[in-house]
Amino acid sequence: MSPVRRSTAEREVTVAGPLQEAGAPRPTSRDVARAAGVSQATVSLVLGDKWRGRVAEPTAERVRTAARELGYRPNLAARNLRLGRTRTALLVVPELTNEFFAHVYTGVARIAARHGFGVVLYPSPDGIGPARDPFASARASLDGVLASSMASDALATIRGDDLPLVMLDSDPANSLGAATVNLDLADGMRQVTEHLLALGHRDYLHLAADVDSWTFDVRAEALARTLRGTHTAVRRVAAPLNVEGARAVAEAALSGPGPRPTAIVCDDDFLSAGACKAARRLGLRIPEDVSVTGFDDLTLATAVEPELTTVRLPAERFGERAMQSLIAVLEGREPDATPLPVELVVRGSTGPTQKRPAPRP
């Protein structure tokens, strides 16, 4: 007996859910349609996430429930062959040791999963700089690329000239991508600076990241702009983005000639942790002798004592917006370019300035 030919819609299947018995027929989209009392076209719209404006919400939920109970999932490989897409995005980050980028990936992956995309996470080997192509032919393996400005140099090899690109944390005026997703970093630094000004601080040390990147340029510019006309002194020193490197630079700056700053404004929480270690080594109290602020609100911010006043960056929401922007570009829509808001979290590392700085040891 010859096998029964199935329609294209029926062939669009994968293995069933975990409760399907071994050897049992795989459920088809026709089975889902029958169980939900709808057409196969409706099933395709709902499970392809193209139902909004075409299918009522209760009907869409009924289709999803039927698919879940039957253990049916669309065969993305077959669909991708027809669409000419792999439904795979590449997320390029400068490093994996910073939890900020782990949270960004979580947000990207959450939205990707809702739209049937996979995400490949690729750290630039040297953090910042050129990277080898992680694929034999990236352009044949990907639908688009998401990349942090700190890893933008890695894109020349990976991306080529024809893959849709969404840049994260990058200068919108000079972006390499079809879309740019940003956090309101300038407002975050404004909030930090106004907080310290309100506490009476007029002598600042800016512990800046020793990285040539737009994201850190924005912070420096916002600090200078907010302090303009306030009769304050600011000294900027660059430090590597790690605790011990920051400690060494901060310790040298705090023990150098001239008036000691009463506040240390740091570009990153790791720099802030280094600044706190430097202050303690010099016998300075935080915040009585010197206030310290950070940027990111990583786990580290509440591991130090006193806990760190810092700017909370919504990393997961940032990742979600990035993937939403890539999908919009692929679908020919205009992505949302509004910077995501950030929040100053005030903790114990900042306090009112003393009238006179403590004498140098």
Protein backbone atom coordinates (compact mmCIF):
# COMPACT_ATOMS: atom_id res chain seq x y z
CA MET A 1 0.00 0.00 0.00
CA SER A 2 1.50 3.33 -1.06
CA PRO A 3 1.92 6.02 1.61
CA VAL A 4 -0.76 8.69 1.81
CA ARG A 5 0.44 12.05 0.48
CA ARG A 6 0.04 14.92 2.92
CA SER A 7 -0.49 18.57 2.15
CA THR A 8 2.26 21.14 2.76
CA ALA A 9 0.49 22.32 5.91
CA GLU A 10 0.33 18.77 7.24
CA ARG A 11 4.02 18.18 6.54
CA GLU A 12 4.89 21.27 8.58
CA VAL A 13 5.46 19.43 11.86
CA THR A 14 8.08 18.57 14.41
CA VAL A 15 8.16 15.98 17.12
CA ALA A 16 5.24 16.14 19.48
CA GLY A 17 5.35 17.18 23.08
CA PRO A 18 6.75 15.09 25.90
CA LEU A 19 3.46 13.29 26.54
CA GLN A 20 3.22 11.84 23.03
CA GLU A 21 3.57 8.08 23.07
CA ALA A 22 6.45 6.52 21.16
CA GLY A 23 5.32 5.54 17.68
CA ALA A 24 2.15 7.62 17.86
CA PRO A 25 1.31 9.71 14.75
CA ARG A 26 2.70 13.20 14.91
CA PRO A 27 0.01 15.86 15.23
CA THR A 28 -0.48 18.10 12.23
CA SER A 29 -1.79 21.63 11.82
CA ARG A 30 -5.01 20.01 10.60
CA ASP A 31 -5.32 18.25 13.99
CA VAL A 32 -4.84 21.58 15.77
CA ALA A 33 -7.42 23.26 13.52
CA ARG A 34 -9.93 20.48 14.17
CA ALA A 35 -9.38 20.61 17.95
CA ALA A 36 -9.69 24.41 18.05
CA GLY A 37 -12.60 24.54 15.62
CA VAL A 38 -10.80 26.84 13.18
CA SER A 39 -9.24 26.68 9.72
CA GLN A 40 -5.65 25.65 9.04
CA ALA A 41 -5.02 29.18 7.79
CA THR A 42 -5.99 30.50 11.23
CA VAL A 43 -3.64 28.01 12.88
CA SER A 44 -0.84 29.20 10.62
CA LEU A 45 -1.51 32.86 11.45
CA VAL A 46 -1.62 32.26 15.20
CA LEU A 47 1.42 29.99 15.47
CA GLY A 48 3.34 32.22 13.07
CA ASP A 49 2.58 35.18 15.36
CA LYS A 50 0.82 37.06 12.54
CA TRP A 51 -2.70 36.89 13.98
CA ARG A 52 -3.02 40.38 15.47
CA GLY A 53 -5.71 42.33 13.66
CA ARG A 54 -6.82 39.19 11.82
CA VAL A 55 -7.84 36.75 14.53
CA ALA A 56 -9.73 37.46 17.77
CA GLU A 57 -7.71 37.05 20.97
CA PRO A 58 -9.99 34.26 22.38
CA THR A 59 -9.64 32.33 19.11
CA ALA A 60 -5.86 32.75 19.12
CA GLU A 61 -5.69 31.49 22.70
CA ARG A 62 -7.86 28.50 21.75
CA VAL A 63 -5.44 27.63 18.95
CA ARG A 64 -2.41 27.93 21.24
CA THR A 65 -4.08 25.76 23.85
CA ALA A 66 -4.96 23.09 21.28
CA ALA A 67 -1.40 23.08 19.91
CA ARG A 68 0.03 22.82 23.41
CA GLU A 69 -2.26 19.98 24.44
CA LEU A 70 -1.59 18.05 21.22
CA GLY A 71 2.15 18.65 21.45
CA TYR A 72 2.23 20.31 18.03
CA ARG A 73 4.91 22.72 16.96
CA PRO A 74 5.51 24.19 13.49
CA ASN A 75 8.43 22.73 11.57
CA LEU A 76 10.60 25.83 11.42
CA ALA A 77 13.12 24.16 9.13
CA ALA A 78 10.46 23.56 6.47
CA ARG A 79 9.04 27.03 6.93
CA ASN A 80 12.45 28.63 6.67
CA LEU A 81 13.17 26.85 3.39
CA ARG A 82 10.02 28.39 1.94
CA LEU A 83 10.75 31.85 3.36
CA GLY A 84 14.46 31.81 2.54
CA ARG A 85 15.32 32.54 6.19
CA THR A 86 17.11 30.68 8.96
CA ARG A 87 15.32 32.63 11.73
CA THR A 88 18.63 32.96 13.55
CA ALA A 89 20.09 36.15 15.01
CA LEU A 90 23.67 36.73 16.13
CA LEU A 91 24.28 38.74 19.30
CA VAL A 92 27.85 40.08 19.44
CA VAL A 93 29.05 41.29 22.85
CA PRO A 94 32.51 42.37 24.06
CA GLU A 95 32.62 39.82 26.88
CA LEU A 96 30.62 37.26 28.84
CA THR A 97 32.13 37.95 32.27
CA ASN A 98 30.06 41.12 32.71
CA GLU A 99 26.58 40.19 33.90
CA PHE A 100 25.08 43.17 32.06
CA PHE A 101 25.53 41.36 28.75
CA ALA A 102 24.10 38.16 30.22
CA HIS A 103 20.92 40.08 31.07
CA VAL A 104 20.88 41.61 27.59
CA TYR A 105 21.05 38.10 26.12
CA THR A 106 18.15 36.99 28.34
CA GLY A 107 15.99 39.79 26.97
CA VAL A 108 17.00 39.09 23.36
CA ALA A 109 16.31 35.36 23.72
CA ARG A 110 12.89 35.96 25.32
CA ILE A 111 11.60 37.99 22.36
CA ALA A 112 13.35 35.74 19.84
CA ALA A 113 11.59 32.68 21.24
CA ARG A 114 8.19 34.34 20.93
CA HIS A 115 8.84 34.88 17.22
CA GLY A 116 10.41 31.51 16.48
CA PHE A 117 13.99 32.78 16.29
CA GLY A 118 17.14 31.26 17.71
CA VAL A 119 19.97 33.40 19.07
CA VAL A 120 23.69 32.71 18.76
CA LEU A 121 25.74 34.53 21.39
CA TYR A 122 29.23 35.45 20.25
CA PRO A 123 31.77 37.29 22.42
CA SER A 124 34.43 39.21 20.56
CA PRO A 125 37.59 37.18 21.38
CA ASP A 126 39.60 40.17 22.58
CA GLY A 127 36.67 42.06 24.08
CA ILE A 128 37.11 44.95 21.68
CA GLY A 129 38.58 44.53 18.21
CA PRO A 130 38.31 42.34 15.10
CA ALA A 131 36.76 38.91 15.46
CA ARG A 132 36.93 35.81 13.31
CA ASP A 133 33.76 34.72 11.58
CA PRO A 134 32.17 32.06 13.86
CA PHE A 135 30.51 30.47 10.83
CA ALA A 136 31.87 29.05 7.60
CA SER A 137 29.50 31.46 5.86
CA ALA A 138 27.80 33.84 8.27
CA ARG A 139 25.62 35.43 5.63
CA ALA A 140 24.10 32.04 4.81
CA SER A 141 23.58 31.22 8.49
CA LEU A 142 21.97 34.35 9.86
CA ASP A 143 19.00 36.62 9.37
CA GLY A 144 20.49 39.54 11.27
CA VAL A 145 23.02 40.77 13.79
CA LEU A 146 22.72 42.60 17.12
CA ALA A 147 25.93 44.21 18.35
CA SER A 148 27.09 46.41 21.19
CA SER A 149 29.15 49.45 20.20
CA MET A 150 31.99 48.02 22.27
CA ALA A 151 32.11 45.05 19.88
CA SER A 152 31.47 46.95 16.65
CA ASP A 153 34.94 46.28 15.23
CA ALA A 154 34.08 42.58 15.18
CA LEU A 155 31.37 43.17 12.60
CA ALA A 156 33.43 43.67 9.48
CA THR A 157 34.16 39.96 9.16
CA ILE A 158 30.95 38.60 10.64
CA ARG A 159 28.37 40.78 8.98
CA GLY A 160 29.60 41.54 5.49
CA ASP A 161 27.54 44.14 3.69
CA ASP A 162 24.11 42.60 3.44
CA LEU A 163 22.94 41.36 6.85
CA PRO A 164 20.46 43.56 8.75
CA LEU A 165 22.22 45.06 11.74
CA VAL A 166 20.86 46.55 14.96
CA MET A 167 23.42 48.47 17.00
CA LEU A 168 23.13 48.58 20.80
CA ASP A 169 24.48 51.39 22.94
CA SER A 170 25.75 53.28 19.89
CA ASP A 171 25.82 56.76 18.40
CA PRO A 172 22.57 57.11 16.42
CA ALA A 173 24.13 59.77 14.18
CA ASN A 174 26.93 57.46 13.03
CA SER A 175 25.37 54.05 13.46
CA LEU A 176 26.46 51.19 11.22
CA GLY A 177 23.05 49.59 11.54
CA ALA A 178 19.56 49.78 10.15
CA ALA A 179 18.41 50.57 13.70
CA THR A 180 19.97 51.73 16.95
CA VAL A 181 18.78 50.87 20.46
CA ASN A 182 20.00 53.00 23.35
CA LEU A 183 19.59 53.57 27.05
CA ASP A 184 19.26 57.17 28.26
CA LEU A 185 22.80 57.23 29.59
CA ALA A 186 23.05 61.00 29.54
CA ASP A 187 20.04 61.27 31.82
CA GLY A 188 21.57 58.67 34.13
CA MET A 189 24.73 60.71 34.54
CA ARG A 190 22.64 63.85 34.98
CA GLN A 191 20.77 62.16 37.85
CA VAL A 192 24.06 61.12 39.48
CA THR A 193 25.55 64.59 39.20
CA GLU A 194 22.50 66.45 40.46
CA HIS A 195 22.32 64.03 43.41
CA LEU A 196 25.92 64.84 44.36
CA LEU A 197 25.44 68.56 43.84
CA ALA A 198 22.44 68.48 46.18
CA LEU A 199 24.67 66.85 48.80
CA GLY A 200 27.08 69.80 48.55
CA HIS A 201 29.89 68.18 46.54
CA ARG A 202 31.97 70.59 44.48
CA ASP A 203 35.26 68.67 44.03
CA TYR A 204 34.97 65.59 41.81
CA LEU A 205 37.11 62.76 40.54
CA HIS A 206 35.72 61.17 37.37
CA LEU A 207 37.00 57.59 37.26
CA ALA A 208 36.43 56.94 33.56
CA ALA A 209 36.57 53.66 31.66
CA ASP A 210 39.78 53.34 29.66
CA VAL A 211 37.80 52.32 26.56
CA ASP A 212 37.31 54.31 23.36
CA SER A 213 33.54 53.92 23.03
CA TRP A 214 30.55 56.17 22.44
CA THR A 215 28.80 54.84 25.54
CA PHE A 216 31.50 56.24 27.83
CA ASP A 217 31.87 59.47 25.85
CA VAL A 218 28.18 60.15 26.52
CA ARG A 219 28.70 59.80 30.27
CA ALA A 220 31.67 62.18 30.28
CA GLU A 221 29.81 64.78 28.21
CA ALA A 222 26.72 64.57 30.44
CA LEU A 223 28.84 65.00 33.59
CA ALA A 224 30.56 68.07 32.17
CA ARG A 225 27.28 69.54 30.91
CA THR A 226 25.50 69.12 34.25
CA LEU A 227 28.38 70.65 36.20
CA ARG A 228 28.71 73.63 33.87
CA GLY A 229 28.22 76.86 35.78
CA THR A 230 28.22 75.21 39.22
CA HIS A 231 31.74 76.38 40.25
CA THR A 232 32.99 72.83 40.65
CA ALA A 233 36.33 71.16 39.98
CA VAL A 234 36.51 67.88 38.03
CA ARG A 235 39.58 65.75 37.45
CA ARG A 236 39.25 62.86 34.97
CA VAL A 237 41.45 59.76 35.14
CA ALA A 238 41.06 56.65 32.97
CA ALA A 239 41.12 53.17 34.47
CA PRO A 240 40.82 49.62 33.10
CA LEU A 241 37.41 48.01 33.47
CA ASN A 242 38.29 45.76 36.38
CA VAL A 243 38.35 46.17 40.15
CA GLU A 244 42.09 45.95 40.77
CA GLY A 245 43.04 48.21 37.88
CA ALA A 246 40.50 50.78 39.04
CA ARG A 247 41.77 50.52 42.62
CA ALA A 248 45.33 51.32 41.58
CA VAL A 249 44.31 54.33 39.47
CA ALA A 250 41.90 55.66 42.10
CA GLU A 251 44.44 55.25 44.90
CA ALA A 252 47.01 57.25 42.95
CA ALA A 253 44.49 59.96 42.17
CA LEU A 254 43.28 60.25 45.77
CA SER A 255 46.80 60.46 47.18
CA GLY A 256 48.16 62.91 44.61
CA PRO A 257 48.81 66.64 45.11
CA GLY A 258 46.05 69.20 45.40
CA PRO A 259 42.67 69.18 47.14
CA ARG A 260 41.23 65.73 47.63
CA PRO A 261 37.91 65.18 45.81
CA THR A 262 34.87 64.65 47.98
CA ALA A 263 33.04 62.59 45.34
CA ILE A 264 34.17 59.92 42.87
CA VAL A 265 31.92 59.51 39.83
CA CYS A 266 32.55 56.16 38.15
CA ASP A 267 31.56 55.00 34.66
CA ASP A 268 30.86 51.45 35.82
CA ASP A 269 30.19 49.46 38.99
CA PHE A 270 33.52 47.60 38.69
CA LEU A 271 35.31 50.93 38.69
CA SER A 272 33.27 51.94 41.73
CA ALA A 273 34.30 48.80 43.62
CA GLY A 274 37.93 49.64 42.87
CA ALA A 275 37.41 53.21 44.07
CA CYS A 276 35.93 51.94 47.33
CA LYS A 277 38.93 49.67 47.89
CA ALA A 278 41.28 52.57 47.21
CA ALA A 279 39.51 54.80 49.71
CA ARG A 280 39.67 52.17 52.44
CA ARG A 281 43.38 51.55 51.82
CA LEU A 282 43.95 55.26 52.35
CA GLY A 283 41.95 55.26 55.58
CA LEU A 284 39.04 57.23 54.11
CA ARG A 285 35.45 56.60 55.17
CA ILE A 286 32.64 56.16 52.66
CA PRO A 287 30.61 58.35 52.45
CA GLU A 288 31.83 60.58 55.30
CA ASP A 289 35.17 61.42 53.63
CA VAL A 290 34.37 60.59 50.04
CA SER A 291 31.19 59.63 48.21
CA VAL A 292 31.30 57.05 45.41
CA THR A 293 28.80 56.45 42.60
CA GLY A 294 28.54 53.76 39.95
CA PHE A 295 26.75 52.87 36.75
CA ASP A 296 24.87 49.63 35.82
CA ASP A 297 23.52 48.35 39.18
CA LEU A 298 25.17 44.96 38.89
CA THR A 299 25.07 42.39 41.69
CA LEU A 300 28.37 43.89 42.80
CA ALA A 301 26.57 47.11 43.78
CA THR A 302 24.94 45.46 46.79
CA ALA A 303 27.92 43.20 47.60
CA VAL A 304 30.18 46.10 48.61
CA GLU A 305 29.81 47.87 51.95
CA PRO A 306 28.35 50.41 52.10
CA GLU A 307 26.10 49.48 49.21
CA LEU A 308 26.61 51.48 46.06
CA THR A 309 24.65 54.45 44.81
CA THR A 310 24.43 53.70 41.09
CA VAL A 311 22.40 54.05 37.91
CA ARG A 312 20.20 51.05 37.22
CA LEU A 313 20.22 50.04 33.56
CA PRO A 314 17.29 47.84 32.45
CA ALA A 315 19.50 45.29 30.68
CA GLU A 316 16.82 42.68 29.96
CA ARG A 317 14.42 45.29 28.60
CA PHE A 318 17.32 46.60 26.53
CA GLY A 319 17.79 43.14 25.02
CA GLU A 320 14.06 42.82 24.37
CA ARG A 321 13.98 46.15 22.53
CA ALA A 322 17.01 45.10 20.47
CA MET A 323 15.36 41.90 19.22
CA GLN A 324 12.07 43.71 18.63
CA SER A 325 13.97 46.22 16.49
CA LEU A 326 15.63 43.49 14.42
CA ILE A 327 12.26 41.83 13.79
CA ALA A 328 10.81 45.20 12.78
CA VAL A 329 13.66 45.73 10.30
CA LEU A 330 13.16 42.25 8.83
CA GLU A 331 9.44 42.94 8.45
CA GLY A 332 9.97 46.36 6.88
CA ARG A 333 8.66 48.32 9.88
CA GLU A 334 10.19 51.33 11.63
CA PRO A 335 11.72 50.31 14.99
CA ASP A 336 11.14 52.34 18.14
CA ALA A 337 14.19 54.60 18.52
CA THR A 338 13.21 56.14 21.88
CA PRO A 339 16.03 55.66 24.45
CA LEU A 340 15.02 53.46 27.38
CA PRO A 341 14.80 55.30 30.72
CA VAL A 342 17.30 54.58 33.50
CA GLU A 343 17.02 55.09 37.25
CA LEU A 344 19.33 56.39 39.96
CA VAL A 345 19.34 54.05 42.96
CA VAL A 346 20.55 55.89 46.07
CA ARG A 347 22.29 53.72 48.67
CA GLY A 348 24.87 54.18 51.40
CA SER A 349 27.95 55.12 49.36
CA THR A 350 26.91 58.77 49.00
CA GLY A 351 26.31 61.37 51.67
CA PRO A 352 26.68 65.09 52.42
CA THR A 353 30.13 66.56 51.93
CA GLN A 354 32.14 67.73 54.91
CA LYS A 355 33.01 71.40 54.97
CA ARG A 356 36.68 70.56 54.78
CA PRO A 357 38.18 67.45 53.17
CA ALA A 358 40.04 65.19 55.54
CA PRO A 359 43.83 65.76 55.47
CA ARG A 360 45.86 63.47 53.22
CA PRO A 361 47.59 60.59 54.97
